Amino acid sequence: MEKISSRQNPRVKYLAGLHNRKKRKQTGEIILEGPNLIEEAQKTGILFLEVMATEELLQKEKLFSREEVTVVTEEVMAKIAPSRSPQGIVARIKRPVFYWKDLLEAKRLLILDRLQDPGNVGTLIRTAAGAGFDGVVLLGEGADPNQPKALRASAGAIFKIPVTEVPSPEIKQFISELESSFSIYKAEPRGGKNYRQVAFGKKCALILGHETRGVSPELGEIPITSVSIPLTREIESLNVAAAGAILVFGMKS
C-alpha cells in the first residue's frame, strides 16, 4: 500500500490544483471530500480516478479496500482537502457533463440565474432532485456547482440529477428554445401571482434570480409569469434556497 508524506509530491500538487475553478474546467475533474459525499457518489457508479486518505480514516471507514487507496499524512491531507477542517479522505472524479440542449425534452427544470452563493446552489440542486425535477440549469457567471461548498450542500444530489451551465453568450439561444416548448415562471418577492393559485403547465421551468438583484433584466424580454410566495408580518423576502424549495414543491403538486 503506497504512502505519500511529501506535500511537494506531483500527485498532491495536482489534487491541490483542483481547488481552482479554472483548473476544474480545464480538466473536467473535481475533488470530493468526506466519507458521506464519497459514499453517495459510489452509489451512482461514478468512476473514481484516485482516492487518498489518512491512516486514521481508513481504520474508521471501509468505503474502499486498502489496495484502492493511497495513504497520506495529516499534513498532506491538509493540502489536498478543500475544507479548512479536513475529513481525512478525498477522491478525484471526472465530473458528469450534461449539455443544455439535452434538457429541452424535460418536463420540469429549475433555472438558477447567476446565483453567487455555492451553498444556495448546492441546496437547490438537492431540492430539485428531491422534488423529482429533470434537471438544473445555471445561467451565466454564477457560483460553481462543483465547488466544495456546493457539493457538500447538495449532499450527493448533484450525482442524481443532470446539472448544466449555460455561458453568457448562449443564454439568449437557450431561453429562446426554452420558450418554444416550456411555460416559464420566475420567482419575485412581491407582486407576482400567488404560486398556490397558478396552474403550472406540463412542461415548465422556474427561474430563481441573483440573491440580491433578482432575475436579470435581459430575461424580462420574454413571456415569463411572475410568481410570489404570500408573506406576512412585513417580511420582505425569503432566502432564495428557502423560497426555491417552496416553489419547486408547489410546482410538483
Protein backbone atom coordinates (compact mmCIF):
# COMPACT_ATOMS: atom_id res chain seq x y z
CA MET A 1 0.00 0.00 0.00
CA GLU A 2 1.50 3.29 -1.13
CA LYS A 3 2.00 6.17 1.29
CA ILE A 4 2.73 9.82 0.48
CA SER A 5 4.27 12.08 3.09
CA SER A 6 5.55 14.98 0.97
CA ARG A 7 3.39 17.99 0.20
CA GLN A 8 5.57 18.53 -2.89
CA ASN A 9 4.60 15.20 -4.45
CA PRO A 10 3.31 15.83 -8.04
CA ARG A 11 0.05 13.97 -7.36
CA VAL A 12 -0.52 16.04 -4.25
CA LYS A 13 0.11 19.25 -6.19
CA TYR A 14 -2.30 18.13 -8.92
CA LEU A 15 -5.10 17.47 -6.43
CA ALA A 16 -4.48 20.78 -4.70
CA GLY A 17 -4.69 22.49 -8.09
CA LEU A 18 -8.26 21.26 -8.48
CA HIS A 19 -9.29 23.69 -5.75
CA ASN A 20 -9.17 26.25 -8.57
CA ARG A 21 -12.33 26.63 -10.70
CA LYS A 22 -10.37 27.26 -13.89
CA LYS A 23 -8.37 24.08 -13.37
CA ARG A 24 -11.57 22.09 -12.78
CA LYS A 25 -13.00 23.36 -16.05
CA GLN A 26 -9.80 22.62 -17.96
CA THR A 27 -9.50 19.05 -16.71
CA GLY A 28 -13.17 18.19 -16.23
CA GLU A 29 -12.20 16.75 -12.85
CA ILE A 30 -13.36 17.60 -9.34
CA ILE A 31 -12.48 16.67 -5.79
CA LEU A 32 -14.93 15.07 -3.38
CA GLU A 33 -14.18 15.28 0.30
CA GLY A 34 -15.55 13.32 3.23
CA PRO A 35 -16.99 9.83 3.62
CA ASN A 36 -20.63 10.90 3.27
CA LEU A 37 -20.26 12.67 -0.08
CA ILE A 38 -17.96 9.97 -1.42
CA GLU A 39 -20.38 7.24 -0.38
CA GLU A 40 -23.23 9.00 -2.20
CA ALA A 41 -21.09 9.18 -5.32
CA GLN A 42 -20.28 5.47 -5.00
CA LYS A 43 -23.98 4.63 -5.09
CA THR A 44 -24.30 6.18 -8.55
CA GLY A 45 -21.48 4.09 -10.01
CA ILE A 46 -19.14 7.01 -10.71
CA LEU A 47 -15.60 6.01 -11.60
CA PHE A 48 -13.06 7.13 -9.01
CA LEU A 49 -9.79 8.18 -10.62
CA GLU A 50 -7.88 8.47 -7.37
CA VAL A 51 -8.54 8.21 -3.65
CA MET A 52 -6.31 9.48 -0.84
CA ALA A 53 -6.97 9.02 2.86
CA THR A 54 -5.25 9.18 6.22
CA GLU A 55 -4.50 6.03 8.18
CA GLU A 56 -6.89 7.16 10.91
CA LEU A 57 -9.77 7.48 8.44
CA LEU A 58 -9.10 4.06 6.92
CA GLN A 59 -9.40 2.48 10.33
CA LYS A 60 -12.86 4.04 10.79
CA GLU A 61 -14.35 3.77 7.30
CA LYS A 62 -14.49 0.82 4.90
CA LEU A 63 -15.50 2.65 1.73
CA PHE A 64 -12.57 1.25 -0.26
CA SER A 65 -10.15 -1.60 0.04
CA ARG A 66 -6.66 -0.62 1.11
CA GLU A 67 -5.40 -1.50 -2.36
CA GLU A 68 -7.63 1.21 -3.84
CA VAL A 69 -6.38 4.00 -1.56
CA THR A 70 -3.18 5.98 -1.32
CA VAL A 71 -2.42 6.71 2.33
CA VAL A 72 -1.27 10.24 3.11
CA THR A 73 -0.14 12.02 6.22
CA GLU A 74 -2.29 14.58 8.03
CA GLU A 75 -0.05 17.32 6.62
CA VAL A 76 -0.62 16.16 3.05
CA MET A 77 -4.36 15.83 3.66
CA ALA A 78 -4.43 19.43 4.89
CA LYS A 79 -3.05 20.50 1.49
CA ILE A 80 -5.33 18.45 -0.77
CA ALA A 81 -8.60 18.71 1.21
CA PRO A 82 -10.76 21.64 0.04
CA SER A 83 -12.15 22.40 3.51
CA ARG A 84 -10.39 24.06 6.42
CA SER A 85 -11.18 21.07 8.63
CA PRO A 86 -10.17 18.03 6.55
CA GLN A 87 -12.33 14.92 6.90
CA GLY A 88 -9.50 12.51 6.20
CA ILE A 89 -10.41 11.34 2.69
CA VAL A 90 -10.62 12.90 -0.76
CA ALA A 91 -11.44 11.40 -4.15
CA ARG A 92 -10.79 12.65 -7.67
CA ILE A 93 -13.51 12.00 -10.25
CA LYS A 94 -14.44 13.04 -13.76
CA ARG A 95 -17.40 15.34 -13.32
CA PRO A 96 -20.63 14.34 -15.07
CA VAL A 97 -21.18 16.54 -18.15
CA PHE A 98 -24.61 17.50 -19.49
CA TYR A 99 -25.50 19.98 -22.22
CA TRP A 100 -28.48 22.32 -22.00
CA LYS A 101 -29.85 21.11 -25.34
CA ASP A 102 -30.21 17.65 -23.82
CA LEU A 103 -32.59 19.04 -21.19
CA LEU A 104 -35.10 20.56 -23.60
CA GLU A 105 -37.04 17.29 -23.56
CA ALA A 106 -37.53 17.55 -19.80
CA LYS A 107 -40.83 18.31 -18.09
CA ARG A 108 -39.59 20.22 -15.04
CA LEU A 109 -36.48 22.40 -14.98
CA LEU A 110 -35.02 24.62 -12.29
CA ILE A 111 -33.02 27.54 -13.67
CA LEU A 112 -30.61 29.46 -11.47
CA ASP A 113 -29.81 32.90 -12.86
CA ARG A 114 -26.34 33.92 -11.69
CA LEU A 115 -26.71 32.81 -8.07
CA GLN A 116 -23.49 33.63 -6.24
CA ASP A 117 -23.64 31.56 -3.05
CA PRO A 118 -22.41 27.99 -3.65
CA GLY A 119 -24.35 26.85 -0.57
CA ASN A 120 -27.59 28.10 -2.16
CA VAL A 121 -26.72 26.41 -5.44
CA GLY A 122 -26.00 23.07 -3.79
CA THR A 123 -29.11 23.24 -1.63
CA LEU A 124 -31.32 23.99 -4.64
CA ILE A 125 -29.82 21.13 -6.63
CA ARG A 126 -30.70 18.85 -3.73
CA THR A 127 -34.22 20.30 -3.57
CA ALA A 128 -34.79 19.86 -7.30
CA ALA A 129 -33.62 16.27 -7.15
CA GLY A 130 -35.84 15.56 -4.16
CA ALA A 131 -38.87 17.03 -5.91
CA GLY A 132 -38.37 14.89 -8.98
CA PHE A 133 -37.27 17.66 -11.33
CA ASP A 134 -35.49 16.61 -14.52
CA GLY A 135 -32.56 18.99 -14.40
CA VAL A 136 -30.95 22.16 -13.06
CA VAL A 137 -29.59 24.85 -15.40
CA LEU A 138 -27.17 27.54 -14.23
CA LEU A 139 -27.08 30.75 -16.28
CA GLY A 140 -24.08 33.00 -16.64
CA GLU A 141 -21.18 33.54 -14.30
CA GLY A 142 -22.63 32.33 -11.02
CA ALA A 143 -21.32 30.02 -8.35
CA ASP A 144 -19.63 26.84 -9.49
CA PRO A 145 -21.84 23.79 -8.75
CA ASN A 146 -18.64 21.73 -8.45
CA GLN A 147 -17.17 23.99 -5.79
CA PRO A 148 -16.66 22.11 -2.49
CA LYS A 149 -19.29 24.08 -0.57
CA ALA A 150 -21.88 23.46 -3.31
CA LEU A 151 -21.02 19.76 -3.40
CA ARG A 152 -21.45 19.48 0.36
CA ALA A 153 -24.75 21.37 0.29
CA SER A 154 -26.06 19.10 -2.46
CA ALA A 155 -25.39 16.09 -0.19
CA GLY A 156 -24.65 13.96 -3.25
CA ALA A 157 -27.76 15.04 -5.16
CA ILE A 158 -25.55 16.55 -7.87
CA PHE A 159 -24.82 12.97 -8.97
CA LYS A 160 -28.53 12.13 -9.20
CA ILE A 161 -29.88 14.91 -11.41
CA PRO A 162 -28.49 16.49 -14.59
CA VAL A 163 -26.83 19.84 -13.85
CA THR A 164 -25.55 22.04 -16.66
CA GLU A 165 -24.18 25.54 -17.11
CA VAL A 166 -25.11 27.97 -19.89
CA PRO A 167 -22.36 30.54 -20.57
CA SER A 168 -23.50 34.13 -21.06
CA PRO A 169 -23.12 34.13 -24.89
CA GLU A 170 -25.55 31.19 -25.14
CA ILE A 171 -28.24 32.44 -22.76
CA LYS A 172 -30.41 34.09 -25.43
CA GLN A 173 -30.40 30.97 -27.56
CA PHE A 174 -31.20 28.78 -24.56
CA ILE A 175 -34.11 30.97 -23.44
CA SER A 176 -35.42 31.20 -27.00
CA GLU A 177 -35.53 27.42 -27.37
CA LEU A 178 -36.93 27.01 -23.87
CA GLU A 179 -39.73 29.45 -24.64
CA SER A 180 -40.89 27.41 -27.61
CA SER A 181 -41.99 24.44 -25.52
CA PHE A 182 -42.00 25.42 -21.83
CA SER A 183 -44.20 27.55 -19.65
CA ILE A 184 -41.67 29.77 -17.88
CA TYR A 185 -42.05 31.23 -14.40
CA LYS A 186 -39.80 33.46 -12.33
CA ALA A 187 -39.81 33.98 -8.60
CA GLU A 188 -40.42 37.51 -7.32
CA PRO A 189 -40.50 38.53 -3.64
CA ARG A 190 -43.62 40.66 -4.25
CA GLY A 191 -46.12 41.41 -6.98
CA GLY A 192 -46.29 38.06 -8.73
CA LYS A 193 -49.21 35.67 -8.81
CA ASN A 194 -49.75 33.66 -5.66
CA TYR A 195 -47.99 30.42 -6.54
CA ARG A 196 -50.82 28.44 -4.91
CA GLN A 197 -53.23 29.81 -7.48
CA VAL A 198 -51.12 29.08 -10.55
CA ALA A 199 -51.92 26.11 -12.77
CA PHE A 200 -48.41 25.11 -13.76
CA GLY A 201 -48.08 23.57 -17.22
CA LYS A 202 -46.99 20.05 -18.02
CA LYS A 203 -43.66 21.38 -19.23
CA CYS A 204 -42.49 24.22 -17.07
CA ALA A 205 -39.34 25.93 -15.91
CA LEU A 206 -38.81 28.01 -12.79
CA ILE A 207 -36.19 30.77 -12.76
CA LEU A 208 -34.65 31.87 -9.48
CA GLY A 209 -32.59 35.04 -9.67
CA HIS A 210 -29.49 36.50 -8.05
CA GLU A 211 -29.67 36.68 -4.25
CA THR A 212 -29.94 40.48 -4.17
CA ARG A 213 -30.64 41.64 -7.74
CA GLY A 214 -33.19 39.02 -8.71
CA VAL A 215 -33.76 37.78 -12.26
CA SER A 216 -31.64 39.50 -14.91
CA PRO A 217 -33.37 42.28 -16.90
CA GLU A 218 -32.47 40.57 -20.20
CA LEU A 219 -34.80 37.72 -19.27
CA GLY A 220 -37.67 40.17 -18.92
CA GLU A 221 -37.89 40.44 -22.70
CA ILE A 222 -39.64 37.08 -22.98
CA PRO A 223 -43.08 35.99 -21.71
CA ILE A 224 -42.50 34.92 -18.12
CA THR A 225 -45.13 34.59 -15.43
CA SER A 226 -44.01 36.07 -12.11
CA VAL A 227 -44.94 34.02 -9.06
CA SER A 228 -44.64 35.01 -5.42
CA ILE A 229 -44.98 33.42 -2.01
CA PRO A 230 -47.50 35.31 0.15
CA LEU A 231 -45.59 36.60 3.16
CA THR A 232 -46.88 38.04 6.43
CA ARG A 233 -45.59 40.33 9.19
CA GLU A 234 -43.87 42.67 6.74
CA ILE A 235 -41.17 40.16 5.81
CA GLU A 236 -39.68 41.47 2.57
CA SER A 237 -38.39 38.20 1.18
CA LEU A 238 -37.09 34.72 1.88
CA ASN A 239 -33.64 33.31 1.32
CA VAL A 240 -33.50 32.09 -2.30
CA ALA A 241 -32.96 28.48 -1.24
CA ALA A 242 -35.97 28.56 1.09
CA ALA A 243 -38.18 30.28 -1.49
CA GLY A 244 -36.98 27.88 -4.16
CA ALA A 245 -37.92 24.86 -2.04
CA ILE A 246 -41.46 26.14 -1.52
CA LEU A 247 -41.98 26.91 -5.19
CA VAL A 248 -40.37 23.75 -6.50
CA PHE A 249 -42.61 21.54 -4.41
CA GLY A 250 -45.57 23.78 -5.26
CA MET A 251 -44.92 23.11 -8.93
CA LYS A 252 -44.55 19.42 -8.26
CA SER A 253 -48.08 19.19 -6.88
